[in-house]
Amino acid sequence: MMLIFLTFPDESEKSKFDYIYNKYKKLLLHKANGILNDYSLAEDAVSEAFLRVYKNLHKIDDPDSGKTVSFLATIVKNTAIDLFNQNKNIYADIYENDIQDNYSMEEEITSEIVTDGMLQVIDKLKDELKDCFLLMYAHNLSYKEIAKTLKITEANVTVRIHRAKKKIIELLKEEGYI
């Protein structure tokens, strides 16, 4: 957001934007997170929304009015929906690739030969990947159940499991198990 401040024509516009940003950023983040159910995507949506606010700052007369809150809420809602729709297509592609994956992760996990090595490799994953992976393969939860447990979207679960599988395969190759 700091680069935006460099492009304001005058100090009053900069001050108005700064006031709006500081007053409403948490509200907008909450609204975006309610739509996306993913905090990092919600942050992206809010950043994009504030870029749109910057471009339309001339439309805001009173930063404290209900009209302004409504305007900001509409911008962040539309931005979050756009971001959701963009990511929905990406997640669907990843899920399709995951289904068609020739490497059978289930067989590898249950194999007695690599169990100890596998546990060491899984332990090297980032927590967000490891949690999804273990909930699916160690606890046999569905994507929906994992999403509910971790309070993230099913699409996000799909992405995390896909990334975990890729990383595990990479680490197993490095360790000489594959």
C-alpha atoms as a PDB file:
ATOM      1  CA  MET A   1       0.000   0.000   0.000  1.00  0.00           C
ATOM      2  CA  MET A   2       2.940   2.360   0.487  1.00  0.00           C
ATOM      3  CA  LEU A   3       3.433   2.848  -3.272  1.00  0.00           C
ATOM      4  CA  ILE A   4      -0.074   4.257  -3.570  1.00  0.00           C
ATOM      5  CA  PHE A   5       0.827   7.081  -1.203  1.00  0.00           C
ATOM      6  CA  LEU A   6       3.501   8.231  -3.614  1.00  0.00           C
ATOM      7  CA  THR A   7       0.958   8.831  -6.366  1.00  0.00           C
ATOM      8  CA  PHE A   8      -1.545  11.036  -4.525  1.00  0.00           C
ATOM      9  CA  PRO A   9      -1.890  14.492  -6.078  1.00  0.00           C
ATOM     10  CA  ASP A  10      -2.191  16.185  -2.695  1.00  0.00           C
ATOM     11  CA  GLU A  11      -1.899  15.524   1.009  1.00  0.00           C
ATOM     12  CA  SER A  12      -5.673  15.657   1.650  1.00  0.00           C
ATOM     13  CA  GLU A  13      -6.314  12.740  -0.751  1.00  0.00           C
ATOM     14  CA  LYS A  14      -3.527  10.764   0.882  1.00  0.00           C
ATOM     15  CA  SER A  15      -4.926  11.547   4.313  1.00  0.00           C
ATOM     16  CA  LYS A  16      -8.456  10.544   3.259  1.00  0.00           C
ATOM     17  CA  PHE A  17      -7.256   7.214   1.839  1.00  0.00           C
ATOM     18  CA  ASP A  18      -5.111   6.527   4.912  1.00  0.00           C
ATOM     19  CA  TYR A  19      -8.092   7.220   7.190  1.00  0.00           C
ATOM     20  CA  ILE A  20     -10.393   4.933   5.170  1.00  0.00           C
ATOM     21  CA  TYR A  21      -7.781   2.182   5.014  1.00  0.00           C
ATOM     22  CA  ASN A  22      -7.077   2.203   8.754  1.00  0.00           C
ATOM     23  CA  LYS A  23     -10.737   2.517   9.739  1.00  0.00           C
ATOM     24  CA  TYR A  24     -12.200  -0.156   7.448  1.00  0.00           C
ATOM     25  CA  LYS A  25      -9.458  -2.687   6.658  1.00  0.00           C
ATOM     26  CA  LYS A  26     -10.499  -5.119   9.423  1.00  0.00           C
ATOM     27  CA  LEU A  27     -14.162  -4.897   8.438  1.00  0.00           C
ATOM     28  CA  LEU A  28     -13.341  -5.562   4.795  1.00  0.00           C
ATOM     29  CA  LEU A  29     -11.019  -8.421   5.715  1.00  0.00           C
ATOM     30  CA  HIS A  30     -13.801  -9.991   7.778  1.00  0.00           C
ATOM     31  CA  LYS A  31     -16.268  -9.652   4.900  1.00  0.00           C
ATOM     32  CA  ALA A  32     -13.811 -11.077   2.340  1.00  0.00           C
ATOM     33  CA  ASN A  33     -12.889 -13.967   4.632  1.00  0.00           C
ATOM     34  CA  GLY A  34     -16.585 -14.744   5.056  1.00  0.00           C
ATOM     35  CA  ILE A  35     -16.892 -15.131   1.295  1.00  0.00           C
ATOM     36  CA  LEU A  36     -13.601 -16.892   0.591  1.00  0.00           C
ATOM     37  CA  ASN A  37     -13.142 -18.827   3.835  1.00  0.00           C
ATOM     38  CA  ASP A  38      -9.382 -18.461   3.349  1.00  0.00           C
ATOM     39  CA  TYR A  39      -7.513 -15.745   5.224  1.00  0.00           C
ATOM     40  CA  SER A  40      -4.661 -15.329   2.721  1.00  0.00           C
ATOM     41  CA  LEU A  41      -7.082 -15.041  -0.198  1.00  0.00           C
ATOM     42  CA  ALA A  42      -9.145 -12.594   1.847  1.00  0.00           C
ATOM     43  CA  GLU A  43      -6.039 -10.449   2.346  1.00  0.00           C
ATOM     44  CA  ASP A  44      -5.488 -10.484  -1.423  1.00  0.00           C
ATOM     45  CA  ALA A  45      -9.099  -9.483  -1.984  1.00  0.00           C
ATOM     46  CA  VAL A  46      -8.813  -6.582   0.468  1.00  0.00           C
ATOM     47  CA  SER A  47      -5.599  -5.372  -1.166  1.00  0.00           C
ATOM     48  CA  GLU A  48      -7.262  -5.446  -4.568  1.00  0.00           C
ATOM     49  CA  ALA A  49     -10.342  -3.749  -3.127  1.00  0.00           C
ATOM     50  CA  PHE A  50      -8.245  -0.895  -1.748  1.00  0.00           C
ATOM     51  CA  LEU A  51      -6.631  -0.446  -5.146  1.00  0.00           C
ATOM     52  CA  ARG A  52     -10.149  -0.046  -6.532  1.00  0.00           C
ATOM     53  CA  VAL A  53     -10.984   2.366  -3.710  1.00  0.00           C
ATOM     54  CA  TYR A  54      -7.898   4.390  -4.599  1.00  0.00           C
ATOM     55  CA  LYS A  55      -9.045   4.613  -8.217  1.00  0.00           C
ATOM     56  CA  ASN A  56     -12.519   5.734  -7.082  1.00  0.00           C
ATOM     57  CA  LEU A  57     -11.528   7.872  -4.112  1.00  0.00           C
ATOM     58  CA  HIS A  58     -13.142  10.909  -5.733  1.00  0.00           C
ATOM     59  CA  LYS A  59     -16.542   9.207  -5.242  1.00  0.00           C
ATOM     60  CA  ILE A  60     -16.175   9.269  -1.443  1.00  0.00           C
ATOM     61  CA  ASP A  61     -17.281  12.540   0.123  1.00  0.00           C
ATOM     62  CA  ASP A  62     -17.606  11.581   3.782  1.00  0.00           C
ATOM     63  CA  PRO A  63     -15.393   8.654   4.920  1.00  0.00           C
ATOM     64  CA  ASP A  64     -17.578   8.133   8.013  1.00  0.00           C
ATOM     65  CA  SER A  65     -20.925   7.884   6.221  1.00  0.00           C
ATOM     66  CA  GLY A  66     -22.997   4.755   5.789  1.00  0.00           C
ATOM     67  CA  LYS A  67     -22.804   5.343   2.051  1.00  0.00           C
ATOM     68  CA  THR A  68     -19.029   4.940   2.248  1.00  0.00           C
ATOM     69  CA  VAL A  69     -19.286   1.723   4.254  1.00  0.00           C
ATOM     70  CA  SER A  70     -21.775   0.359   1.728  1.00  0.00           C
ATOM     71  CA  PHE A  71     -19.514   1.396  -1.156  1.00  0.00           C
ATOM     72  CA  LEU A  72     -16.488  -0.304   0.433  1.00  0.00           C
ATOM     73  CA  ALA A  73     -18.459  -3.449   1.282  1.00  0.00           C
ATOM     74  CA  THR A  74     -19.683  -3.713  -2.310  1.00  0.00           C
ATOM     75  CA  ILE A  75     -16.162  -3.324  -3.673  1.00  0.00           C
ATOM     76  CA  VAL A  76     -14.687  -5.980  -1.380  1.00  0.00           C
ATOM     77  CA  LYS A  77     -17.623  -8.338  -1.972  1.00  0.00           C
ATOM     78  CA  ASN A  78     -17.209  -8.119  -5.750  1.00  0.00           C
ATOM     79  CA  THR A  79     -13.441  -8.438  -5.491  1.00  0.00           C
ATOM     80  CA  ALA A  80     -13.726 -11.517  -3.261  1.00  0.00           C
ATOM     81  CA  ILE A  81     -16.243 -13.134  -5.595  1.00  0.00           C
ATOM     82  CA  ASP A  82     -13.974 -12.463  -8.579  1.00  0.00           C
ATOM     83  CA  LEU A  83     -11.033 -13.975  -6.706  1.00  0.00           C
ATOM     84  CA  PHE A  84     -13.119 -16.982  -5.676  1.00  0.00           C
ATOM     85  CA  ASN A  85     -14.181 -17.604  -9.275  1.00  0.00           C
ATOM     86  CA  GLN A  86     -10.594 -17.292 -10.534  1.00  0.00           C
ATOM     87  CA  ASN A  87      -9.314 -19.744  -7.948  1.00  0.00           C
ATOM     88  CA  LYS A  88     -12.242 -22.139  -8.401  1.00  0.00           C
ATOM     89  CA  ASN A  89     -11.029 -22.897 -11.922  1.00  0.00           C
ATOM     90  CA  ILE A  90      -7.434 -23.352 -10.751  1.00  0.00           C
ATOM     91  CA  TYR A  91      -8.492 -25.695  -7.947  1.00  0.00           C
ATOM     92  CA  ALA A  92     -10.652 -27.730 -10.340  1.00  0.00           C
ATOM     93  CA  ASP A  93      -7.667 -28.206 -12.676  1.00  0.00           C
ATOM     94  CA  ILE A  94      -5.436 -29.267  -9.795  1.00  0.00           C
ATOM     95  CA  TYR A  95      -8.084 -31.676  -8.526  1.00  0.00           C
ATOM     96  CA  GLU A  96      -8.418 -33.248 -11.984  1.00  0.00           C
ATOM     97  CA  ASN A  97      -4.640 -33.657 -12.242  1.00  0.00           C
ATOM     98  CA  ASP A  98      -4.595 -35.114  -8.747  1.00  0.00           C
ATOM     99  CA  ILE A  99      -7.160 -37.760  -9.684  1.00  0.00           C
ATOM    100  CA  GLN A 100      -5.166 -38.705 -12.774  1.00  0.00           C
ATOM    101  CA  ASP A 101      -1.893 -38.922 -10.854  1.00  0.00           C
ATOM    102  CA  ASN A 102      -0.135 -42.193 -11.771  1.00  0.00           C
ATOM    103  CA  TYR A 103       1.745 -42.385  -8.493  1.00  0.00           C
ATOM    104  CA  SER A 104      -0.286 -44.178  -5.837  1.00  0.00           C
ATOM    105  CA  MET A 105       0.364 -42.360  -2.593  1.00  0.00           C
ATOM    106  CA  GLU A 106      -1.911 -44.701  -0.660  1.00  0.00           C
ATOM    107  CA  GLU A 107       0.147 -47.767  -1.588  1.00  0.00           C
ATOM    108  CA  GLU A 108       3.385 -46.027  -0.683  1.00  0.00           C
ATOM    109  CA  ILE A 109       2.133 -44.986   2.728  1.00  0.00           C
ATOM    110  CA  THR A 110       0.927 -48.442   3.653  1.00  0.00           C
ATOM    111  CA  SER A 111       4.109 -50.117   2.483  1.00  0.00           C
ATOM    112  CA  GLU A 112       6.044 -51.450   5.483  1.00  0.00           C
ATOM    113  CA  ILE A 113       9.371 -50.865   3.756  1.00  0.00           C
ATOM    114  CA  VAL A 114       9.154 -47.095   3.698  1.00  0.00           C
ATOM    115  CA  THR A 115       6.950 -46.346   6.694  1.00  0.00           C
ATOM    116  CA  ASP A 116       9.726 -44.910   8.862  1.00  0.00           C
ATOM    117  CA  GLY A 117      11.212 -42.920   6.013  1.00  0.00           C
ATOM    118  CA  MET A 118       7.781 -41.762   4.993  1.00  0.00           C
ATOM    119  CA  LEU A 119       7.047 -40.435   8.472  1.00  0.00           C
ATOM    120  CA  GLN A 120      10.329 -38.533   8.465  1.00  0.00           C
ATOM    121  CA  VAL A 121       9.529 -37.070   5.047  1.00  0.00           C
ATOM    122  CA  ILE A 122       5.973 -36.105   6.066  1.00  0.00           C
ATOM    123  CA  ASP A 123       7.378 -34.416   9.154  1.00  0.00           C
ATOM    124  CA  LYS A 124       9.415 -32.113   6.863  1.00  0.00           C
ATOM    125  CA  LEU A 125       6.264 -30.646   5.301  1.00  0.00           C
ATOM    126  CA  LYS A 126       4.912 -27.257   6.267  1.00  0.00           C
ATOM    127  CA  ASP A 127       2.246 -27.631   8.952  1.00  0.00           C
ATOM    128  CA  GLU A 128      -0.610 -26.536   6.677  1.00  0.00           C
ATOM    129  CA  LEU A 129       0.304 -29.243   4.131  1.00  0.00           C
ATOM    130  CA  LYS A 130       1.083 -31.873   6.738  1.00  0.00           C
ATOM    131  CA  ASP A 131      -2.239 -31.369   8.547  1.00  0.00           C
ATOM    132  CA  CYS A 132      -4.330 -31.841   5.410  1.00  0.00           C
ATOM    133  CA  PHE A 133      -2.266 -34.806   4.258  1.00  0.00           C
ATOM    134  CA  LEU A 134      -2.431 -36.641   7.572  1.00  0.00           C
ATOM    135  CA  LEU A 135      -6.134 -35.970   8.025  1.00  0.00           C
ATOM    136  CA  MET A 136      -6.773 -37.515   4.635  1.00  0.00           C
ATOM    137  CA  TYR A 137      -4.410 -40.487   4.662  1.00  0.00           C
ATOM    138  CA  ALA A 138      -3.907 -41.263   8.334  1.00  0.00           C
ATOM    139  CA  HIS A 139      -7.417 -40.450   9.541  1.00  0.00           C
ATOM    140  CA  ASN A 140      -9.318 -41.207   6.312  1.00  0.00           C
ATOM    141  CA  LEU A 141     -11.265 -37.930   6.329  1.00  0.00           C
ATOM    142  CA  SER A 142     -12.906 -36.633   3.151  1.00  0.00           C
ATOM    143  CA  TYR A 143     -12.049 -33.278   1.574  1.00  0.00           C
ATOM    144  CA  LYS A 144     -15.277 -31.898   3.037  1.00  0.00           C
ATOM    145  CA  GLU A 145     -14.485 -33.185   6.543  1.00  0.00           C
ATOM    146  CA  ILE A 146     -10.949 -31.794   6.379  1.00  0.00           C
ATOM    147  CA  ALA A 147     -12.246 -28.405   5.223  1.00  0.00           C
ATOM    148  CA  LYS A 148     -14.698 -28.309   8.117  1.00  0.00           C
ATOM    149  CA  THR A 149     -12.050 -29.419  10.634  1.00  0.00           C
ATOM    150  CA  LEU A 150      -9.442 -26.860   9.510  1.00  0.00           C
ATOM    151  CA  LYS A 151     -12.020 -24.149   8.730  1.00  0.00           C
ATOM    152  CA  ILE A 152     -10.827 -23.729   5.145  1.00  0.00           C
ATOM    153  CA  THR A 153     -12.489 -24.327   1.787  1.00  0.00           C
ATOM    154  CA  GLU A 154     -12.587 -27.720   0.106  1.00  0.00           C
ATOM    155  CA  ALA A 155     -10.735 -26.156  -2.805  1.00  0.00           C
ATOM    156  CA  ASN A 156      -7.979 -25.099  -0.420  1.00  0.00           C
ATOM    157  CA  VAL A 157      -7.816 -28.659   0.965  1.00  0.00           C
ATOM    158  CA  THR A 158      -7.447 -29.964  -2.582  1.00  0.00           C
ATOM    159  CA  VAL A 159      -4.580 -27.602  -3.291  1.00  0.00           C
ATOM    160  CA  ARG A 160      -2.797 -28.377  -0.026  1.00  0.00           C
ATOM    161  CA  ILE A 161      -3.039 -32.137  -0.504  1.00  0.00           C
ATOM    162  CA  HIS A 162      -1.810 -31.806  -4.076  1.00  0.00           C
ATOM    163  CA  ARG A 163       1.149 -29.707  -2.914  1.00  0.00           C
ATOM    164  CA  ALA A 164       1.872 -32.134  -0.080  1.00  0.00           C
ATOM    165  CA  LYS A 165       1.937 -35.067  -2.509  1.00  0.00           C
ATOM    166  CA  LYS A 166       4.272 -33.248  -4.872  1.00  0.00           C
ATOM    167  CA  LYS A 167       6.608 -32.314  -2.023  1.00  0.00           C
ATOM    168  CA  ILE A 168       6.550 -35.827  -0.542  1.00  0.00           C
ATOM    169  CA  ILE A 169       7.395 -37.378  -3.896  1.00  0.00           C
ATOM    170  CA  GLU A 170      10.227 -34.868  -4.300  1.00  0.00           C
ATOM    171  CA  LEU A 171      11.573 -35.610  -0.802  1.00  0.00           C
ATOM    172  CA  LEU A 172      11.224 -39.381  -1.231  1.00  0.00           C
ATOM    173  CA  LYS A 173      13.279 -39.147  -4.414  1.00  0.00           C
ATOM    174  CA  GLU A 174      15.926 -37.060  -2.643  1.00  0.00           C
ATOM    175  CA  GLU A 175      16.055 -39.554   0.239  1.00  0.00           C
ATOM    176  CA  GLY A 176      16.369 -42.494  -2.179  1.00  0.00           C
ATOM    177  CA  TYR A 177      13.087 -44.199  -1.271  1.00  0.00           C
ATOM    178  CA  ILE A 178      11.773 -43.887  -4.819  1.00  0.00           C
END
